[in-house]
Amino acid sequence: MIFDFTEEDLRSNQRGFITPHQKEWITGVAGGIRRSQRGNFPIVIFFMIIGLGIFFGMMLGNEGAKQAFIADPLNIIVICISIPVILGIVSLGQFFGKRRADRLENSGLKTAEGVISLDEETSDVGTTYYVYVGEMEFKFGDDMSRIFPAGGRFRVYYCETSFLQMILSYEELS
């Protein structure tokens, strides 16, 4: 099931608290965000070394290309600048990934309440399903109409970061 919460989780969320089980889940997701960003760094370094190796191999492979490469100092300047720029871009990605993970871990419990409305959007990548609880929008990769039927009235407990809303529990209202 996509939403794995217990009655204890729901009661705790109703009182405005996140349970240790939910906190552990949020910490796991935040850790995954950090690990995915860290995992990119060795891949970028590997392809940067391969790319530079191919570039220098082609440029220094024969005497004519070598003379043309060395004749213009701009070539060396561009290479010397491109390495820190690439590393800086990767470092910024890691910084923003860590910041997003920290915000998720430290986010508080929020509540959305209202009548459910559904929408979907299809693109080349696939279909995104939207569930609107009052004014709050939640995005899913699967159709949620069985869990959140259109016209039903729900209260949803969630935490969020800049682009991610994680539903911790929900309840149908009369």
C-alpha atoms as a PDB file:
ATOM      1  CA  MET A   1       0.000   0.000   0.000  1.00  0.00           C
ATOM      2  CA  ILE A   2       1.283   3.468  -0.828  1.00  0.00           C
ATOM      3  CA  PHE A   3       0.333   5.009   2.540  1.00  0.00           C
ATOM      4  CA  ASP A   4       1.731   2.954   5.391  1.00  0.00           C
ATOM      5  CA  PHE A   5       0.403   4.462   8.604  1.00  0.00           C
ATOM      6  CA  THR A   6      -1.170   3.032  11.713  1.00  0.00           C
ATOM      7  CA  GLU A   7      -4.044   4.231  13.887  1.00  0.00           C
ATOM      8  CA  GLU A   8      -1.406   5.413  16.360  1.00  0.00           C
ATOM      9  CA  ASP A   9       0.229   7.494  13.599  1.00  0.00           C
ATOM     10  CA  LEU A  10      -3.133   9.038  12.716  1.00  0.00           C
ATOM     11  CA  ARG A  11      -3.997   9.840  16.348  1.00  0.00           C
ATOM     12  CA  SER A  12      -0.580  11.405  16.878  1.00  0.00           C
ATOM     13  CA  ASN A  13      -0.950  13.467  13.683  1.00  0.00           C
ATOM     14  CA  GLN A  14      -4.395  14.613  14.827  1.00  0.00           C
ATOM     15  CA  ARG A  15      -2.733  15.960  17.981  1.00  0.00           C
ATOM     16  CA  GLY A  16      -0.095  17.722  15.842  1.00  0.00           C
ATOM     17  CA  PHE A  17       2.849  15.348  16.336  1.00  0.00           C
ATOM     18  CA  ILE A  18       4.930  13.140  14.062  1.00  0.00           C
ATOM     19  CA  THR A  19       5.494   9.629  15.425  1.00  0.00           C
ATOM     20  CA  PRO A  20       8.985   8.086  15.697  1.00  0.00           C
ATOM     21  CA  HIS A  21       8.019   5.629  12.924  1.00  0.00           C
ATOM     22  CA  GLN A  22       7.091   8.497  10.605  1.00  0.00           C
ATOM     23  CA  LYS A  23      10.219  10.461  11.585  1.00  0.00           C
ATOM     24  CA  GLU A  24      12.318   7.398  10.735  1.00  0.00           C
ATOM     25  CA  TRP A  25      10.656   7.204   7.306  1.00  0.00           C
ATOM     26  CA  ILE A  26      11.230  10.925   6.661  1.00  0.00           C
ATOM     27  CA  THR A  27      14.883  10.567   7.735  1.00  0.00           C
ATOM     28  CA  GLY A  28      15.263   7.638   5.327  1.00  0.00           C
ATOM     29  CA  VAL A  29      13.893   9.662   2.411  1.00  0.00           C
ATOM     30  CA  ALA A  30      16.150  12.599   3.314  1.00  0.00           C
ATOM     31  CA  GLY A  31      19.129  10.230   3.480  1.00  0.00           C
ATOM     32  CA  GLY A  32      18.238   8.950   0.012  1.00  0.00           C
ATOM     33  CA  ILE A  33      18.275  12.504  -1.325  1.00  0.00           C
ATOM     34  CA  ARG A  34      21.751  13.040   0.152  1.00  0.00           C
ATOM     35  CA  ARG A  35      23.105   9.713  -1.131  1.00  0.00           C
ATOM     36  CA  SER A  36      21.816  10.331  -4.650  1.00  0.00           C
ATOM     37  CA  GLN A  37      23.618  13.681  -4.742  1.00  0.00           C
ATOM     38  CA  ARG A  38      26.861  12.211  -3.372  1.00  0.00           C
ATOM     39  CA  GLY A  39      26.680   9.358  -5.870  1.00  0.00           C
ATOM     40  CA  ASN A  40      26.779  11.784  -8.789  1.00  0.00           C
ATOM     41  CA  PHE A  41      30.199  13.185  -7.875  1.00  0.00           C
ATOM     42  CA  PRO A  42      32.352  10.136  -8.804  1.00  0.00           C
ATOM     43  CA  ILE A  43      30.420   9.734 -12.059  1.00  0.00           C
ATOM     44  CA  VAL A  44      31.079  13.356 -13.026  1.00  0.00           C
ATOM     45  CA  ILE A  45      34.784  13.027 -12.172  1.00  0.00           C
ATOM     46  CA  PHE A  46      35.040   9.806 -14.191  1.00  0.00           C
ATOM     47  CA  PHE A  47      33.462  11.306 -17.307  1.00  0.00           C
ATOM     48  CA  MET A  48      35.433  14.531 -16.919  1.00  0.00           C
ATOM     49  CA  ILE A  49      38.692  12.547 -16.900  1.00  0.00           C
ATOM     50  CA  ILE A  50      37.566  10.443 -19.881  1.00  0.00           C
ATOM     51  CA  GLY A  51      36.489  13.572 -21.775  1.00  0.00           C
ATOM     52  CA  LEU A  52      39.766  15.355 -21.093  1.00  0.00           C
ATOM     53  CA  GLY A  53      41.707  12.240 -22.070  1.00  0.00           C
ATOM     54  CA  ILE A  54      39.894  12.008 -25.397  1.00  0.00           C
ATOM     55  CA  PHE A  55      40.278  15.742 -25.969  1.00  0.00           C
ATOM     56  CA  PHE A  56      44.018  15.762 -25.244  1.00  0.00           C
ATOM     57  CA  GLY A  57      44.492  12.567 -27.228  1.00  0.00           C
ATOM     58  CA  MET A  58      42.946  14.177 -30.267  1.00  0.00           C
ATOM     59  CA  MET A  59      44.701  17.516 -29.810  1.00  0.00           C
ATOM     60  CA  LEU A  60      48.127  16.123 -29.127  1.00  0.00           C
ATOM     61  CA  GLY A  61      47.846  13.124 -31.450  1.00  0.00           C
ATOM     62  CA  ASN A  62      49.746  14.632 -34.362  1.00  0.00           C
ATOM     63  CA  GLU A  63      52.167  17.480 -34.760  1.00  0.00           C
ATOM     64  CA  GLY A  64      49.800  19.801 -36.695  1.00  0.00           C
ATOM     65  CA  ALA A  65      47.004  19.561 -34.113  1.00  0.00           C
ATOM     66  CA  LYS A  66      49.533  19.982 -31.306  1.00  0.00           C
ATOM     67  CA  GLN A  67      50.885  23.195 -32.856  1.00  0.00           C
ATOM     68  CA  ALA A  68      47.373  24.558 -33.434  1.00  0.00           C
ATOM     69  CA  PHE A  69      46.355  23.762 -29.826  1.00  0.00           C
ATOM     70  CA  ILE A  70      49.437  25.308 -28.235  1.00  0.00           C
ATOM     71  CA  ALA A  71      49.429  28.338 -30.576  1.00  0.00           C
ATOM     72  CA  ASP A  72      46.268  29.778 -29.030  1.00  0.00           C
ATOM     73  CA  PRO A  73      46.535  30.323 -25.253  1.00  0.00           C
ATOM     74  CA  LEU A  74      42.745  30.640 -25.095  1.00  0.00           C
ATOM     75  CA  ASN A  75      42.490  26.844 -25.482  1.00  0.00           C
ATOM     76  CA  ILE A  76      44.465  26.254 -22.291  1.00  0.00           C
ATOM     77  CA  ILE A  77      42.561  28.993 -20.445  1.00  0.00           C
ATOM     78  CA  VAL A  78      39.186  27.450 -21.426  1.00  0.00           C
ATOM     79  CA  ILE A  79      40.276  24.014 -20.174  1.00  0.00           C
ATOM     80  CA  CYS A  80      41.640  25.457 -16.933  1.00  0.00           C
ATOM     81  CA  ILE A  81      38.395  27.331 -16.324  1.00  0.00           C
ATOM     82  CA  SER A  82      36.035  24.510 -17.356  1.00  0.00           C
ATOM     83  CA  ILE A  83      37.280  22.058 -14.700  1.00  0.00           C
ATOM     84  CA  PRO A  84      36.464  24.317 -11.702  1.00  0.00           C
ATOM     85  CA  VAL A  85      33.175  25.362 -13.327  1.00  0.00           C
ATOM     86  CA  ILE A  86      32.086  21.717 -13.713  1.00  0.00           C
ATOM     87  CA  LEU A  87      33.145  20.902 -10.156  1.00  0.00           C
ATOM     88  CA  GLY A  88      31.359  24.032  -8.913  1.00  0.00           C
ATOM     89  CA  ILE A  89      28.117  23.044 -10.630  1.00  0.00           C
ATOM     90  CA  VAL A  90      28.297  19.552  -9.119  1.00  0.00           C
ATOM     91  CA  SER A  91      29.076  21.042  -5.691  1.00  0.00           C
ATOM     92  CA  LEU A  92      26.080  23.370  -5.970  1.00  0.00           C
ATOM     93  CA  GLY A  93      23.902  20.356  -6.776  1.00  0.00           C
ATOM     94  CA  GLN A  94      25.184  18.612  -3.672  1.00  0.00           C
ATOM     95  CA  PHE A  95      24.655  21.719  -1.561  1.00  0.00           C
ATOM     96  CA  PHE A  96      21.042  22.174  -2.705  1.00  0.00           C
ATOM     97  CA  GLY A  97      20.344  18.441  -2.328  1.00  0.00           C
ATOM     98  CA  LYS A  98      21.657  18.484   1.240  1.00  0.00           C
ATOM     99  CA  ARG A  99      19.667  21.630   2.004  1.00  0.00           C
ATOM    100  CA  ARG A 100      16.491  20.051   0.587  1.00  0.00           C
ATOM    101  CA  ALA A 101      17.081  16.914   2.686  1.00  0.00           C
ATOM    102  CA  ASP A 102      17.692  18.986   5.827  1.00  0.00           C
ATOM    103  CA  ARG A 103      14.498  20.962   5.236  1.00  0.00           C
ATOM    104  CA  LEU A 104      12.539  17.739   4.818  1.00  0.00           C
ATOM    105  CA  GLU A 105      13.952  16.275   8.035  1.00  0.00           C
ATOM    106  CA  ASN A 106      13.174  19.456   9.965  1.00  0.00           C
ATOM    107  CA  SER A 107       9.783  20.178   8.424  1.00  0.00           C
ATOM    108  CA  GLY A 108       6.836  20.223  10.738  1.00  0.00           C
ATOM    109  CA  LEU A 109       3.507  18.535  10.381  1.00  0.00           C
ATOM    110  CA  LYS A 110       1.034  20.378   8.169  1.00  0.00           C
ATOM    111  CA  THR A 111      -2.637  19.791   7.533  1.00  0.00           C
ATOM    112  CA  ALA A 112      -4.786  20.172   4.442  1.00  0.00           C
ATOM    113  CA  GLU A 113      -8.540  19.798   4.632  1.00  0.00           C
ATOM    114  CA  GLY A 114     -11.259  20.026   2.043  1.00  0.00           C
ATOM    115  CA  VAL A 115     -13.159  18.451  -0.784  1.00  0.00           C
ATOM    116  CA  ILE A 116     -11.147  16.222  -3.114  1.00  0.00           C
ATOM    117  CA  SER A 117     -10.796  17.081  -6.772  1.00  0.00           C
ATOM    118  CA  LEU A 118      -8.707  15.085  -9.212  1.00  0.00           C
ATOM    119  CA  ASP A 119      -6.793  15.932 -12.358  1.00  0.00           C
ATOM    120  CA  GLU A 120      -4.137  14.325 -14.523  1.00  0.00           C
ATOM    121  CA  GLU A 121      -1.541  15.458 -17.018  1.00  0.00           C
ATOM    122  CA  THR A 122       0.128  13.251 -19.598  1.00  0.00           C
ATOM    123  CA  SER A 123       3.516  13.973 -21.173  1.00  0.00           C
ATOM    124  CA  ASP A 124       6.232  12.004 -22.956  1.00  0.00           C
ATOM    125  CA  VAL A 125       7.566  10.889 -19.573  1.00  0.00           C
ATOM    126  CA  GLY A 126       4.236   9.524 -18.330  1.00  0.00           C
ATOM    127  CA  THR A 127       1.118  10.561 -16.503  1.00  0.00           C
ATOM    128  CA  THR A 128       1.086  12.697 -13.377  1.00  0.00           C
ATOM    129  CA  TYR A 129      -2.025  12.431 -11.228  1.00  0.00           C
ATOM    130  CA  TYR A 130      -3.047  15.419  -9.134  1.00  0.00           C
ATOM    131  CA  VAL A 131      -5.104  15.220  -5.964  1.00  0.00           C
ATOM    132  CA  TYR A 132      -6.365  18.539  -4.646  1.00  0.00           C
ATOM    133  CA  VAL A 133      -7.382  18.611  -0.999  1.00  0.00           C
ATOM    134  CA  GLY A 134      -9.044  21.987  -0.746  1.00  0.00           C
ATOM    135  CA  GLU A 135      -6.378  24.303  -2.150  1.00  0.00           C
ATOM    136  CA  MET A 136      -3.407  21.969  -1.531  1.00  0.00           C
ATOM    137  CA  GLU A 137      -2.016  20.023  -4.503  1.00  0.00           C
ATOM    138  CA  PHE A 138      -0.404  16.579  -4.203  1.00  0.00           C
ATOM    139  CA  LYS A 139       1.258  14.844  -7.168  1.00  0.00           C
ATOM    140  CA  PHE A 140       1.396  11.085  -7.721  1.00  0.00           C
ATOM    141  CA  GLY A 141       2.666   8.669 -10.323  1.00  0.00           C
ATOM    142  CA  ASP A 142      -0.378   6.417  -9.828  1.00  0.00           C
ATOM    143  CA  ASP A 143      -4.102   7.040  -9.986  1.00  0.00           C
ATOM    144  CA  MET A 144      -5.291   7.878  -6.467  1.00  0.00           C
ATOM    145  CA  SER A 145      -9.034   7.994  -7.192  1.00  0.00           C
ATOM    146  CA  ARG A 146      -9.652   4.787  -5.198  1.00  0.00           C
ATOM    147  CA  ILE A 147      -8.010   6.226  -2.095  1.00  0.00           C
ATOM    148  CA  PHE A 148      -9.217   9.804  -2.556  1.00  0.00           C
ATOM    149  CA  PRO A 149     -12.545   9.703  -4.445  1.00  0.00           C
ATOM    150  CA  ALA A 150     -13.546  12.953  -6.132  1.00  0.00           C
ATOM    151  CA  GLY A 151     -16.047  14.916  -4.060  1.00  0.00           C
ATOM    152  CA  GLY A 152     -15.044  13.230  -0.800  1.00  0.00           C
ATOM    153  CA  ARG A 153     -14.024  15.358   2.155  1.00  0.00           C
ATOM    154  CA  PHE A 154     -10.616  14.534   3.672  1.00  0.00           C
ATOM    155  CA  ARG A 155      -8.061  15.830   6.119  1.00  0.00           C
ATOM    156  CA  VAL A 156      -4.482  15.066   5.087  1.00  0.00           C
ATOM    157  CA  TYR A 157      -1.455  15.282   7.388  1.00  0.00           C
ATOM    158  CA  TYR A 158       1.792  15.874   5.522  1.00  0.00           C
ATOM    159  CA  CYS A 159       5.244  17.378   5.666  1.00  0.00           C
ATOM    160  CA  GLU A 160       6.881  19.255   2.841  1.00  0.00           C
ATOM    161  CA  THR A 161      10.005  20.778   1.461  1.00  0.00           C
ATOM    162  CA  SER A 162      10.355  23.109  -1.506  1.00  0.00           C
ATOM    163  CA  PHE A 163       8.986  20.669  -4.072  1.00  0.00           C
ATOM    164  CA  LEU A 164       8.023  17.516  -2.194  1.00  0.00           C
ATOM    165  CA  GLN A 165       4.924  16.858  -0.110  1.00  0.00           C
ATOM    166  CA  MET A 166       4.925  13.584   1.812  1.00  0.00           C
ATOM    167  CA  ILE A 167       1.555  12.404   3.086  1.00  0.00           C
ATOM    168  CA  LEU A 168       1.980  10.888   6.530  1.00  0.00           C
ATOM    169  CA  SER A 169      -1.671  10.034   7.199  1.00  0.00           C
ATOM    170  CA  TYR A 170      -5.176  11.012   6.222  1.00  0.00           C
ATOM    171  CA  GLU A 171      -8.753  10.640   7.348  1.00  0.00           C
ATOM    172  CA  GLU A 172     -12.084  10.862   5.622  1.00  0.00           C
ATOM    173  CA  LEU A 173     -14.439  13.423   7.147  1.00  0.00           C
ATOM    174  CA  SER A 174     -18.192  13.116   7.323  1.00  0.00           C
END
